[in-house]
């Protein structure tokens, strides 16, 4: 089975799980790393750049993310977009967890 790849649905599932997990963990990790009075404004841009890079790596590693016959460039581009979306999910989830739910 040399060169055998997992099916497309499995690759997409792996990509979603990896990106969501990284998106949720990336903001607190970047905030911890850039904790200081002169770097506090760099936390969100650094997280977005980090997640764009992770998304590009996931898109490159899992080419079936964009469908059969897609170019590697398209897979990386879609990976970047999915990485940024996962970063926004992570920011929203952290915001909800820190501020709570009204009426709860």
PDB file of N, CA and C in Angstrom:
ATOM      1  N   UNK A   1       0.819  -1.190   0.000  1.00  0.00           N
ATOM      2  CA  UNK A   1       0.000   0.000   0.000  1.00  0.00           C
ATOM      3  C   UNK A   1       0.861   1.251   0.000  1.00  0.00           C
ATOM      4  N   UNK A   2       1.825   1.286  -0.834  1.00  0.00           N
ATOM      5  CA  UNK A   2       2.685   2.449  -0.928  1.00  0.00           C
ATOM      6  C   UNK A   2       1.916   3.593  -1.573  1.00  0.00           C
ATOM      7  N   UNK A   3       1.957   4.743  -0.944  1.00  0.00           N
ATOM      8  CA  UNK A   3       1.295   5.917  -1.498  1.00  0.00           C
ATOM      9  C   UNK A   3      -0.199   5.966  -1.248  1.00  0.00           C
ATOM     10  N   UNK A   4      -0.730   5.033  -0.495  1.00  0.00           N
ATOM     11  CA  UNK A   4      -2.166   5.046  -0.222  1.00  0.00           C
ATOM     12  C   UNK A   4      -2.489   6.169   0.757  1.00  0.00           C
ATOM     13  N   UNK A   5      -3.550   6.894   0.463  1.00  0.00           N
ATOM     14  CA  UNK A   5      -3.987   7.995   1.320  1.00  0.00           C
ATOM     15  C   UNK A   5      -5.356   7.664   1.893  1.00  0.00           C
ATOM     16  N   UNK A   6      -5.666   8.233   3.051  1.00  0.00           N
ATOM     17  CA  UNK A   6      -7.002   8.029   3.609  1.00  0.00           C
ATOM     18  C   UNK A   6      -8.060   8.643   2.689  1.00  0.00           C
ATOM     19  N   UNK A   7      -9.306   8.192   2.810  1.00  0.00           N
ATOM     20  CA  UNK A   7     -10.362   8.768   1.974  1.00  0.00           C
ATOM     21  C   UNK A   7     -10.572  10.257   2.272  1.00  0.00           C
ATOM     22  N   UNK A   8     -11.224  10.934   1.334  1.00  0.00           N
ATOM     23  CA  UNK A   8     -11.401  12.387   1.438  1.00  0.00           C
ATOM     24  C   UNK A   8     -12.187  12.778   2.681  1.00  0.00           C
ATOM     25  N   UNK A   9     -13.227  12.027   3.021  1.00  0.00           N
ATOM     26  CA  UNK A   9     -14.044  12.391   4.189  1.00  0.00           C
ATOM     27  C   UNK A   9     -13.228  12.307   5.476  1.00  0.00           C
ATOM     28  N   UNK A  10     -12.311  11.339   5.531  1.00  0.00           N
ATOM     29  CA  UNK A  10     -11.470  11.202   6.719  1.00  0.00           C
ATOM     30  C   UNK A  10     -10.447  12.336   6.790  1.00  0.00           C
ATOM     31  N   UNK A  11      -9.885  12.706   5.647  1.00  0.00           N
ATOM     32  CA  UNK A  11      -8.937  13.821   5.621  1.00  0.00           C
ATOM     33  C   UNK A  11      -9.611  15.121   6.045  1.00  0.00           C
ATOM     34  N   UNK A  12     -10.842  15.329   5.582  1.00  0.00           N
ATOM     35  CA  UNK A  12     -11.566  16.547   5.968  1.00  0.00           C
ATOM     36  C   UNK A  12     -11.881  16.542   7.457  1.00  0.00           C
ATOM     37  N   UNK A  13     -12.260  15.394   7.988  1.00  0.00           N
ATOM     38  CA  UNK A  13     -12.536  15.290   9.420  1.00  0.00           C
ATOM     39  C   UNK A  13     -11.301  15.555  10.257  1.00  0.00           C
ATOM     40  N   UNK A  14     -10.179  14.986   9.831  1.00  0.00           N
ATOM     41  CA  UNK A  14      -8.914  15.222  10.534  1.00  0.00           C
ATOM     42  C   UNK A  14      -8.564  16.708  10.496  1.00  0.00           C
ATOM     43  N   UNK A  15      -8.735  17.328   9.337  1.00  0.00           N
ATOM     44  CA  UNK A  15      -8.413  18.751   9.199  1.00  0.00           C
ATOM     45  C   UNK A  15      -9.268  19.605  10.123  1.00  0.00           C
ATOM     46  N   UNK A  16     -10.560  19.318  10.185  1.00  0.00           N
ATOM     47  CA  UNK A  16     -11.454  20.111  11.038  1.00  0.00           C
ATOM     48  C   UNK A  16     -11.082  19.947  12.507  1.00  0.00           C
ATOM     49  N   UNK A  17     -10.828  18.716  12.931  1.00  0.00           N
ATOM     50  CA  UNK A  17     -10.478  18.471  14.335  1.00  0.00           C
ATOM     51  C   UNK A  17      -9.158  19.154  14.693  1.00  0.00           C
ATOM     52  N   UNK A  18      -8.153  19.009  13.847  1.00  0.00           N
ATOM     53  CA  UNK A  18      -6.843  19.617  14.122  1.00  0.00           C
ATOM     54  C   UNK A  18      -6.951  21.139  14.161  1.00  0.00           C
ATOM     55  N   UNK A  19      -7.659  21.714  13.196  1.00  0.00           N
ATOM     56  CA  UNK A  19      -7.750  23.169  13.142  1.00  0.00           C
ATOM     57  C   UNK A  19      -8.574  23.738  14.295  1.00  0.00           C
ATOM     58  N   UNK A  20      -9.671  23.084  14.646  1.00  0.00           N
ATOM     59  CA  UNK A  20     -10.464  23.582  15.772  1.00  0.00           C
ATOM     60  C   UNK A  20      -9.704  23.469  17.085  1.00  0.00           C
ATOM     61  N   UNK A  21      -9.032  22.347  17.285  1.00  0.00           N
ATOM     62  CA  UNK A  21      -8.259  22.179  18.521  1.00  0.00           C
ATOM     63  C   UNK A  21      -7.141  23.215  18.598  1.00  0.00           C
ATOM     64  N   UNK A  22      -6.457  23.431  17.499  1.00  0.00           N
ATOM     65  CA  UNK A  22      -5.380  24.419  17.483  1.00  0.00           C
ATOM     66  C   UNK A  22      -5.932  25.834  17.632  1.00  0.00           C
ATOM     67  N   UNK A  23      -7.073  26.104  17.012  1.00  0.00           N
ATOM     68  CA  UNK A  23      -7.682  27.427  17.127  1.00  0.00           C
ATOM     69  C   UNK A  23      -8.103  27.759  18.538  1.00  0.00           C
ATOM     70  N   UNK A  24      -8.593  26.761  19.266  1.00  0.00           N
ATOM     71  CA  UNK A  24      -9.032  26.982  20.641  1.00  0.00           C
ATOM     72  C   UNK A  24      -7.837  27.195  21.562  1.00  0.00           C
ATOM     73  N   UNK A  25      -6.768  26.464  21.334  1.00  0.00           N
ATOM     74  CA  UNK A  25      -5.600  26.532  22.220  1.00  0.00           C
ATOM     75  C   UNK A  25      -4.662  27.685  21.849  1.00  0.00           C
ATOM     76  N   UNK A  26      -4.707  28.131  20.600  1.00  0.00           N
ATOM     77  CA  UNK A  26      -3.699  29.088  20.136  1.00  0.00           C
ATOM     78  C   UNK A  26      -3.792  30.452  20.808  1.00  0.00           C
ATOM     79  N   UNK A  27      -4.992  30.961  21.055  1.00  0.00           N
ATOM     80  CA  UNK A  27      -5.082  32.299  21.649  1.00  0.00           C
ATOM     81  C   UNK A  27      -4.511  32.343  23.061  1.00  0.00           C
ATOM     82  N   UNK A  28      -4.881  31.433  23.956  1.00  0.00           N
ATOM     83  CA  UNK A  28      -4.242  31.476  25.278  1.00  0.00           C
ATOM     84  C   UNK A  28      -2.731  31.241  25.217  1.00  0.00           C
ATOM     85  N   UNK A  29      -2.283  30.380  24.306  1.00  0.00           N
ATOM     86  CA  UNK A  29      -0.846  30.107  24.201  1.00  0.00           C
ATOM     87  C   UNK A  29      -0.084  31.339  23.716  1.00  0.00           C
ATOM     88  N   UNK A  30      -0.619  32.010  22.704  1.00  0.00           N
ATOM     89  CA  UNK A  30       0.038  33.215  22.192  1.00  0.00           C
ATOM     90  C   UNK A  30      -0.027  34.332  23.229  1.00  0.00           C
ATOM     91  N   UNK A  31      -1.155  34.449  23.924  1.00  0.00           N
ATOM     92  CA  UNK A  31      -1.275  35.478  24.960  1.00  0.00           C
ATOM     93  C   UNK A  31      -0.272  35.235  26.081  1.00  0.00           C
ATOM     94  N   UNK A  32      -0.055  33.987  26.423  1.00  0.00           N
ATOM     95  CA  UNK A  32       0.933  33.660  27.453  1.00  0.00           C
ATOM     96  C   UNK A  32       2.348  34.002  26.979  1.00  0.00           C
ATOM     97  N   UNK A  33       2.636  33.681  25.712  1.00  0.00           N
ATOM     98  CA  UNK A  33       3.978  33.927  25.181  1.00  0.00           C
ATOM     99  C   UNK A  33       4.255  35.421  25.016  1.00  0.00           C
ATOM    100  N   UNK A  34       3.245  36.191  24.666  1.00  0.00           N
ATOM    101  CA  UNK A  34       3.433  37.621  24.421  1.00  0.00           C
ATOM    102  C   UNK A  34       2.917  38.471  25.580  1.00  0.00           C
ATOM    103  N   UNK A  35       2.968  37.937  26.766  1.00  0.00           N
ATOM    104  CA  UNK A  35       2.477  38.663  27.934  1.00  0.00           C
ATOM    105  C   UNK A  35       3.492  39.716  28.356  1.00  0.00           C
ATOM    106  N   UNK A  36       3.161  40.955  28.088  1.00  0.00           N
ATOM    107  CA  UNK A  36       4.041  42.054  28.465  1.00  0.00           C
ATOM    108  C   UNK A  36       3.411  43.373  28.077  1.00  0.00           C
ATOM    109  N   UNK A  37       3.860  44.460  28.664  1.00  0.00           N
ATOM    110  CA  UNK A  37       3.239  45.755  28.376  1.00  0.00           C
ATOM    111  C   UNK A  37       3.491  46.254  26.955  1.00  0.00           C
ATOM    112  N   UNK A  38       4.578  45.845  26.337  1.00  0.00           N
ATOM    113  CA  UNK A  38       4.868  46.332  24.986  1.00  0.00           C
ATOM    114  C   UNK A  38       4.368  45.397  23.895  1.00  0.00           C
ATOM    115  N   UNK A  39       3.940  44.202  24.253  1.00  0.00           N
ATOM    116  CA  UNK A  39       3.520  43.232  23.237  1.00  0.00           C
ATOM    117  C   UNK A  39       2.049  42.859  23.328  1.00  0.00           C
ATOM    118  N   UNK A  40       1.283  43.551  24.166  1.00  0.00           N
ATOM    119  CA  UNK A  40      -0.109  43.150  24.348  1.00  0.00           C
ATOM    120  C   UNK A  40      -0.954  43.375  23.096  1.00  0.00           C
ATOM    121  N   UNK A  41      -0.565  44.304  22.236  1.00  0.00           N
ATOM    122  CA  UNK A  41      -1.322  44.557  21.013  1.00  0.00           C
ATOM    123  C   UNK A  41      -0.959  43.594  19.887  1.00  0.00           C
ATOM    124  N   UNK A  42      -0.002  42.733  20.121  1.00  0.00           N
ATOM    125  CA  UNK A  42       0.423  41.785  19.095  1.00  0.00           C
ATOM    126  C   UNK A  42      -0.212  40.409  19.251  1.00  0.00           C
ATOM    127  N   UNK A  43      -1.011  40.209  20.283  1.00  0.00           N
ATOM    128  CA  UNK A  43      -1.531  38.872  20.571  1.00  0.00           C
ATOM    129  C   UNK A  43      -2.449  38.387  19.458  1.00  0.00           C
ATOM    130  N   UNK A  44      -3.460  39.156  19.105  1.00  0.00           N
ATOM    131  CA  UNK A  44      -4.414  38.708  18.090  1.00  0.00           C
ATOM    132  C   UNK A  44      -3.776  38.583  16.706  1.00  0.00           C
ATOM    133  N   UNK A  45      -2.977  39.568  16.236  1.00  0.00           N
ATOM    134  CA  UNK A  45      -2.314  39.368  14.944  1.00  0.00           C
ATOM    135  C   UNK A  45      -1.385  38.154  14.931  1.00  0.00           C
ATOM    136  N   UNK A  46      -0.671  37.922  16.029  1.00  0.00           N
ATOM    137  CA  UNK A  46       0.220  36.757  16.085  1.00  0.00           C
ATOM    138  C   UNK A  46      -0.579  35.461  16.038  1.00  0.00           C
ATOM    139  N   UNK A  47      -1.726  35.436  16.705  1.00  0.00           N
ATOM    140  CA  UNK A  47      -2.559  34.234  16.670  1.00  0.00           C
ATOM    141  C   UNK A  47      -3.089  33.989  15.260  1.00  0.00           C
ATOM    142  N   UNK A  48      -3.497  35.040  14.567  1.00  0.00           N
ATOM    143  CA  UNK A  48      -4.009  34.871  13.207  1.00  0.00           C
ATOM    144  C   UNK A  48      -2.918  34.390  12.253  1.00  0.00           C
ATOM    145  N   UNK A  49      -1.712  34.931  12.397  1.00  0.00           N
ATOM    146  CA  UNK A  49      -0.595  34.474  11.560  1.00  0.00           C
ATOM    147  C   UNK A  49      -0.265  33.016  11.869  1.00  0.00           C
ATOM    148  N   UNK A  50      -0.251  32.668  13.143  1.00  0.00           N
ATOM    149  CA  UNK A  50       0.010  31.283  13.543  1.00  0.00           C
ATOM    150  C   UNK A  50      -1.034  30.340  12.955  1.00  0.00           C
ATOM    151  N   UNK A  51      -2.302  30.705  13.054  1.00  0.00           N
ATOM    152  CA  UNK A  51      -3.358  29.827  12.556  1.00  0.00           C
ATOM    153  C   UNK A  51      -3.378  29.765  11.030  1.00  0.00           C
ATOM    154  N   UNK A  52      -2.998  30.850  10.362  1.00  0.00           N
ATOM    155  CA  UNK A  52      -2.876  30.799   8.909  1.00  0.00           C
ATOM    156  C   UNK A  52      -1.771  29.825   8.512  1.00  0.00           C
ATOM    157  N   UNK A  53      -0.673  29.833   9.250  1.00  0.00           N
ATOM    158  CA  UNK A  53       0.412  28.884   8.986  1.00  0.00           C
ATOM    159  C   UNK A  53       0.010  27.451   9.251  1.00  0.00           C
ATOM    160  N   UNK A  54      -0.691  27.224  10.355  1.00  0.00           N
ATOM    161  CA  UNK A  54      -1.161  25.865  10.662  1.00  0.00           C
ATOM    162  C   UNK A  54      -2.149  25.407   9.597  1.00  0.00           C
ATOM    163  N   UNK A  55      -3.037  26.296   9.176  1.00  0.00           N
ATOM    164  CA  UNK A  55      -3.987  25.949   8.121  1.00  0.00           C
ATOM    165  C   UNK A  55      -3.294  25.618   6.810  1.00  0.00           C
ATOM    166  N   UNK A  56      -2.245  26.374   6.480  1.00  0.00           N
ATOM    167  CA  UNK A  56      -1.486  26.088   5.263  1.00  0.00           C
ATOM    168  C   UNK A  56      -0.814  24.725   5.346  1.00  0.00           C
ATOM    169  N   UNK A  57      -0.253  24.400   6.506  1.00  0.00           N
ATOM    170  CA  UNK A  57       0.371  23.080   6.679  1.00  0.00           C
ATOM    171  C   UNK A  57      -0.652  21.955   6.578  1.00  0.00           C
ATOM    172  N   UNK A  58      -1.821  22.165   7.176  1.00  0.00           N
ATOM    173  CA  UNK A  58      -2.871  21.144   7.099  1.00  0.00           C
ATOM    174  C   UNK A  58      -3.339  20.985   5.657  1.00  0.00           C
ATOM    175  N   UNK A  59      -3.520  22.094   4.952  1.00  0.00           N
ATOM    176  CA  UNK A  59      -3.926  22.021   3.551  1.00  0.00           C
ATOM    177  C   UNK A  59      -2.887  21.338   2.680  1.00  0.00           C
ATOM    178  N   UNK A  60      -1.619  21.569   2.977  1.00  0.00           N
ATOM    179  CA  UNK A  60      -0.548  20.923   2.215  1.00  0.00           C
ATOM    180  C   UNK A  60      -0.462  19.433   2.532  1.00  0.00           C
ATOM    181  N   UNK A  61      -0.637  19.089   3.812  1.00  0.00           N
ATOM    182  CA  UNK A  61      -0.513  17.689   4.228  1.00  0.00           C
ATOM    183  C   UNK A  61      -1.723  16.853   3.827  1.00  0.00           C
ATOM    184  N   UNK A  62      -2.885  17.484   3.724  1.00  0.00           N
ATOM    185  CA  UNK A  62      -4.119  16.768   3.386  1.00  0.00           C
ATOM    186  C   UNK A  62      -4.714  17.360   2.111  1.00  0.00           C
ATOM    187  N   UNK A  63      -4.196  16.970   0.949  1.00  0.00           N
ATOM    188  CA  UNK A  63      -4.621  17.602  -0.305  1.00  0.00           C
ATOM    189  C   UNK A  63      -6.076  17.335  -0.678  1.00  0.00           C
ATOM    190  N   UNK A  64      -6.682  16.294  -0.131  1.00  0.00           N
ATOM    191  CA  UNK A  64      -8.084  16.010  -0.437  1.00  0.00           C
ATOM    192  C   UNK A  64      -9.030  16.957   0.288  1.00  0.00           C
ATOM    193  N   UNK A  65      -8.488  17.896   1.017  1.00  0.00           N
ATOM    194  CA  UNK A  65      -9.296  18.877   1.730  1.00  0.00           C
ATOM    195  C   UNK A  65     -10.168  19.671   0.764  1.00  0.00           C
ATOM    196  N   UNK A  66      -9.678  19.911  -0.435  1.00  0.00           N
ATOM    197  CA  UNK A  66     -10.404  20.716  -1.412  1.00  0.00           C
ATOM    198  C   UNK A  66     -11.044  19.889  -2.512  1.00  0.00           C
ATOM    199  N   UNK A  67     -10.917  18.597  -2.459  1.00  0.00           N
ATOM    200  CA  UNK A  67     -11.533  17.750  -3.473  1.00  0.00           C
ATOM    201  C   UNK A  67     -10.502  17.135  -4.397  1.00  0.00           C
ATOM    202  N   UNK A  68     -10.925  16.129  -5.087  1.00  0.00           N
ATOM    203  CA  UNK A  68     -10.037  15.404  -5.990  1.00  0.00           C
ATOM    204  C   UNK A  68      -9.670  16.277  -7.184  1.00  0.00           C
ATOM    205  N   UNK A  69      -8.416  16.256  -7.540  1.00  0.00           N
ATOM    206  CA  UNK A  69      -7.951  16.979  -8.714  1.00  0.00           C
ATOM    207  C   UNK A  69      -7.598  18.435  -8.460  1.00  0.00           C
ATOM    208  N   UNK A  70      -7.659  18.882  -7.237  1.00  0.00           N
ATOM    209  CA  UNK A  70      -7.305  20.270  -6.932  1.00  0.00           C
ATOM    210  C   UNK A  70      -5.791  20.433  -6.930  1.00  0.00           C
ATOM    211  N   UNK A  71      -5.367  21.635  -7.206  1.00  0.00           N
ATOM    212  CA  UNK A  71      -3.937  21.920  -7.178  1.00  0.00           C
ATOM    213  C   UNK A  71      -3.474  22.072  -5.728  1.00  0.00           C
ATOM    214  N   UNK A  72      -2.198  21.829  -5.474  1.00  0.00           N
ATOM    215  CA  UNK A  72      -1.675  22.046  -4.116  1.00  0.00           C
ATOM    216  C   UNK A  72      -1.830  23.500  -3.657  1.00  0.00           C
ATOM    217  N   UNK A  73      -1.729  24.420  -4.580  1.00  0.00           N
ATOM    218  CA  UNK A  73      -1.895  25.836  -4.231  1.00  0.00           C
ATOM    219  C   UNK A  73      -3.302  26.107  -3.699  1.00  0.00           C
ATOM    220  N   UNK A  74      -4.297  25.511  -4.331  1.00  0.00           N
ATOM    221  CA  UNK A  74      -5.680  25.680  -3.869  1.00  0.00           C
ATOM    222  C   UNK A  74      -5.865  25.035  -2.497  1.00  0.00           C
ATOM    223  N   UNK A  75      -5.274  23.860  -2.289  1.00  0.00           N
ATOM    224  CA  UNK A  75      -5.394  23.179  -0.997  1.00  0.00           C
ATOM    225  C   UNK A  75      -4.776  24.018   0.115  1.00  0.00           C
ATOM    226  N   UNK A  76      -3.633  24.630  -0.152  1.00  0.00           N
ATOM    227  CA  UNK A  76      -2.990  25.481   0.854  1.00  0.00           C
ATOM    228  C   UNK A  76      -3.845  26.723   1.109  1.00  0.00           C
ATOM    229  N   UNK A  77      -4.393  27.308   0.060  1.00  0.00           N
ATOM    230  CA  UNK A  77      -5.243  28.496   0.224  1.00  0.00           C
ATOM    231  C   UNK A  77      -6.493  28.210   1.040  1.00  0.00           C
ATOM    232  N   UNK A  78      -7.142  27.099   0.757  1.00  0.00           N
ATOM    233  CA  UNK A  78      -8.322  26.713   1.532  1.00  0.00           C
ATOM    234  C   UNK A  78      -7.911  26.392   2.964  1.00  0.00           C
ATOM    235  N   UNK A  79      -6.757  25.778   3.144  1.00  0.00           N
ATOM    236  CA  UNK A  79      -6.260  25.505   4.491  1.00  0.00           C
ATOM    237  C   UNK A  79      -6.039  26.781   5.284  1.00  0.00           C
ATOM    238  N   UNK A  80      -5.499  27.811   4.634  1.00  0.00           N
ATOM    239  CA  UNK A  80      -5.297  29.101   5.306  1.00  0.00           C
ATOM    240  C   UNK A  80      -6.640  29.685   5.733  1.00  0.00           C
ATOM    241  N   UNK A  81      -7.625  29.653   4.836  1.00  0.00           N
ATOM    242  CA  UNK A  81      -8.948  30.188   5.180  1.00  0.00           C
ATOM    243  C   UNK A  81      -9.590  29.410   6.323  1.00  0.00           C
ATOM    244  N   UNK A  82      -9.459  28.091   6.295  1.00  0.00           N
ATOM    245  CA  UNK A  82     -10.013  27.286   7.385  1.00  0.00           C
ATOM    246  C   UNK A  82      -9.262  27.530   8.696  1.00  0.00           C
ATOM    247  N   UNK A  83      -7.968  27.750   8.615  1.00  0.00           N
ATOM    248  CA  UNK A  83      -7.193  28.071   9.807  1.00  0.00           C
ATOM    249  C   UNK A  83      -7.626  29.394  10.423  1.00  0.00           C
ATOM    250  N   UNK A  84      -7.879  30.393   9.580  1.00  0.00           N
ATOM    251  CA  UNK A  84      -8.352  31.680  10.090  1.00  0.00           C
ATOM    252  C   UNK A  84      -9.753  31.558  10.683  1.00  0.00           C
ATOM    253  N   UNK A  85     -10.603  30.745  10.054  1.00  0.00           N
ATOM    254  CA  UNK A  85     -11.945  30.517  10.609  1.00  0.00           C
ATOM    255  C   UNK A  85     -11.856  29.825  11.965  1.00  0.00           C
ATOM    256  N   UNK A  86     -10.963  28.864  12.084  1.00  0.00           N
ATOM    257  CA  UNK A  86     -10.787  28.176  13.369  1.00  0.00           C
ATOM    258  C   UNK A  86     -10.248  29.134  14.427  1.00  0.00           C
ATOM    259  N   UNK A  87      -9.403  30.073  14.027  1.00  0.00           N
ATOM    260  CA  UNK A  87      -8.902  31.073  14.975  1.00  0.00           C
ATOM    261  C   UNK A  87     -10.042  31.940  15.488  1.00  0.00           C
ATOM    262  N   UNK A  88     -10.943  32.319  14.601  1.00  0.00           N
ATOM    263  CA  UNK A  88     -12.086  33.130  15.022  1.00  0.00           C
ATOM    264  C   UNK A  88     -13.017  32.348  15.937  1.00  0.00           C
ATOM    265  N   UNK A  89     -13.181  31.060  15.673  1.00  0.00           N
ATOM    266  CA  UNK A  89     -13.975  30.215  16.579  1.00  0.00           C
ATOM    267  C   UNK A  89     -13.308  30.166  17.947  1.00  0.00           C
ATOM    268  N   UNK A  90     -11.998  30.041  17.969  1.00  0.00           N
ATOM    269  CA  UNK A  90     -11.269  30.025  19.238  1.00  0.00           C
ATOM    270  C   UNK A  90     -11.415  31.324  20.004  1.00  0.00           C
ATOM    271  N   UNK A  91     -11.359  32.463  19.303  1.00  0.00           N
ATOM    272  CA  UNK A  91     -11.531  33.762  19.958  1.00  0.00           C
ATOM    273  C   UNK A  91     -12.943  33.880  20.524  1.00  0.00           C
ATOM    274  N   UNK A  92     -13.945  33.491  19.732  1.00  0.00           N
ATOM    275  CA  UNK A  92     -15.335  33.574  20.199  1.00  0.00           C
ATOM    276  C   UNK A  92     -15.572  32.666  21.399  1.00  0.00           C
ATOM    277  N   UNK A  93     -15.035  31.465  21.351  1.00  0.00           N
ATOM    278  CA  UNK A  93     -15.218  30.533  22.465  1.00  0.00           C
ATOM    279  C   UNK A  93     -14.536  31.050  23.731  1.00  0.00           C
ATOM    280  N   UNK A  94     -13.335  31.576  23.601  1.00  0.00           N
ATOM    281  CA  UNK A  94     -12.641  32.127  24.764  1.00  0.00           C
ATOM    282  C   UNK A  94     -13.399  33.330  25.327  1.00  0.00           C
ATOM    283  N   UNK A  95     -13.928  34.174  24.443  1.00  0.00           N
ATOM    284  CA  UNK A  95     -14.713  35.325  24.888  1.00  0.00           C
ATOM    285  C   UNK A  95     -15.943  34.868  25.666  1.00  0.00           C
ATOM    286  N   UNK A  96     -16.643  33.863  25.155  1.00  0.00           N
ATOM    287  CA  UNK A  96     -17.826  33.355  25.854  1.00  0.00           C
ATOM    288  C   UNK A  96     -17.461  32.724  27.191  1.00  0.00           C
ATOM    289  N   UNK A  97     -16.368  32.003  27.229  1.00  0.00           N
ATOM    290  CA  UNK A  97     -15.968  31.371  28.484  1.00  0.00           C
ATOM    291  C   UNK A  97     -15.533  32.394  29.531  1.00  0.00           C
ATOM    292  N   UNK A  98     -14.867  33.450  29.098  1.00  0.00           N
ATOM    293  CA  UNK A  98     -14.414  34.466  30.048  1.00  0.00           C
ATOM    294  C   UNK A  98     -15.558  35.344  30.555  1.00  0.00           C
ATOM    295  N   UNK A  99     -16.502  35.661  29.677  1.00  0.00           N
ATOM    296  CA  UNK A  99     -17.579  36.580  30.046  1.00  0.00           C
ATOM    297  C   UNK A  99     -18.836  35.873  30.528  1.00  0.00           C
ATOM    298  N   UNK A 100     -18.935  34.603  30.285  1.00  0.00           N
ATOM    299  CA  UNK A 100     -20.110  33.859  30.728  1.00  0.00           C
ATOM    300  C   UNK A 100     -21.312  34.104  29.835  1.00  0.00           C
ATOM    301  N   UNK A 101     -22.385  33.460  30.183  1.00  0.00           N
ATOM    302  CA  UNK A 101     -23.629  33.589  29.452  1.00  0.00           C
ATOM    303  C   UNK A 101     -24.605  34.391  30.306  1.00  0.00           C
ATOM    304  N   UNK A 102     -25.322  35.332  29.727  1.00  0.00           N
ATOM    305  CA  UNK A 102     -26.273  36.097  30.528  1.00  0.00           C
ATOM    306  C   UNK A 102     -27.406  35.196  31.033  1.00  0.00           C
ATOM    307  N   UNK A 103     -27.732  35.344  32.290  1.00  0.00           N
ATOM    308  CA  UNK A 103     -28.807  34.558  32.875  1.00  0.00           C
ATOM    309  C   UNK A 103     -28.375  33.204  33.386  1.00  0.00           C
ATOM    310  N   UNK A 104     -27.093  32.879  33.232  1.00  0.00           N
ATOM    311  CA  UNK A 104     -26.628  31.560  33.671  1.00  0.00           C
ATOM    312  C   UNK A 104     -26.224  31.586  35.121  1.00  0.00           C
TER     313      UNK A 104
END
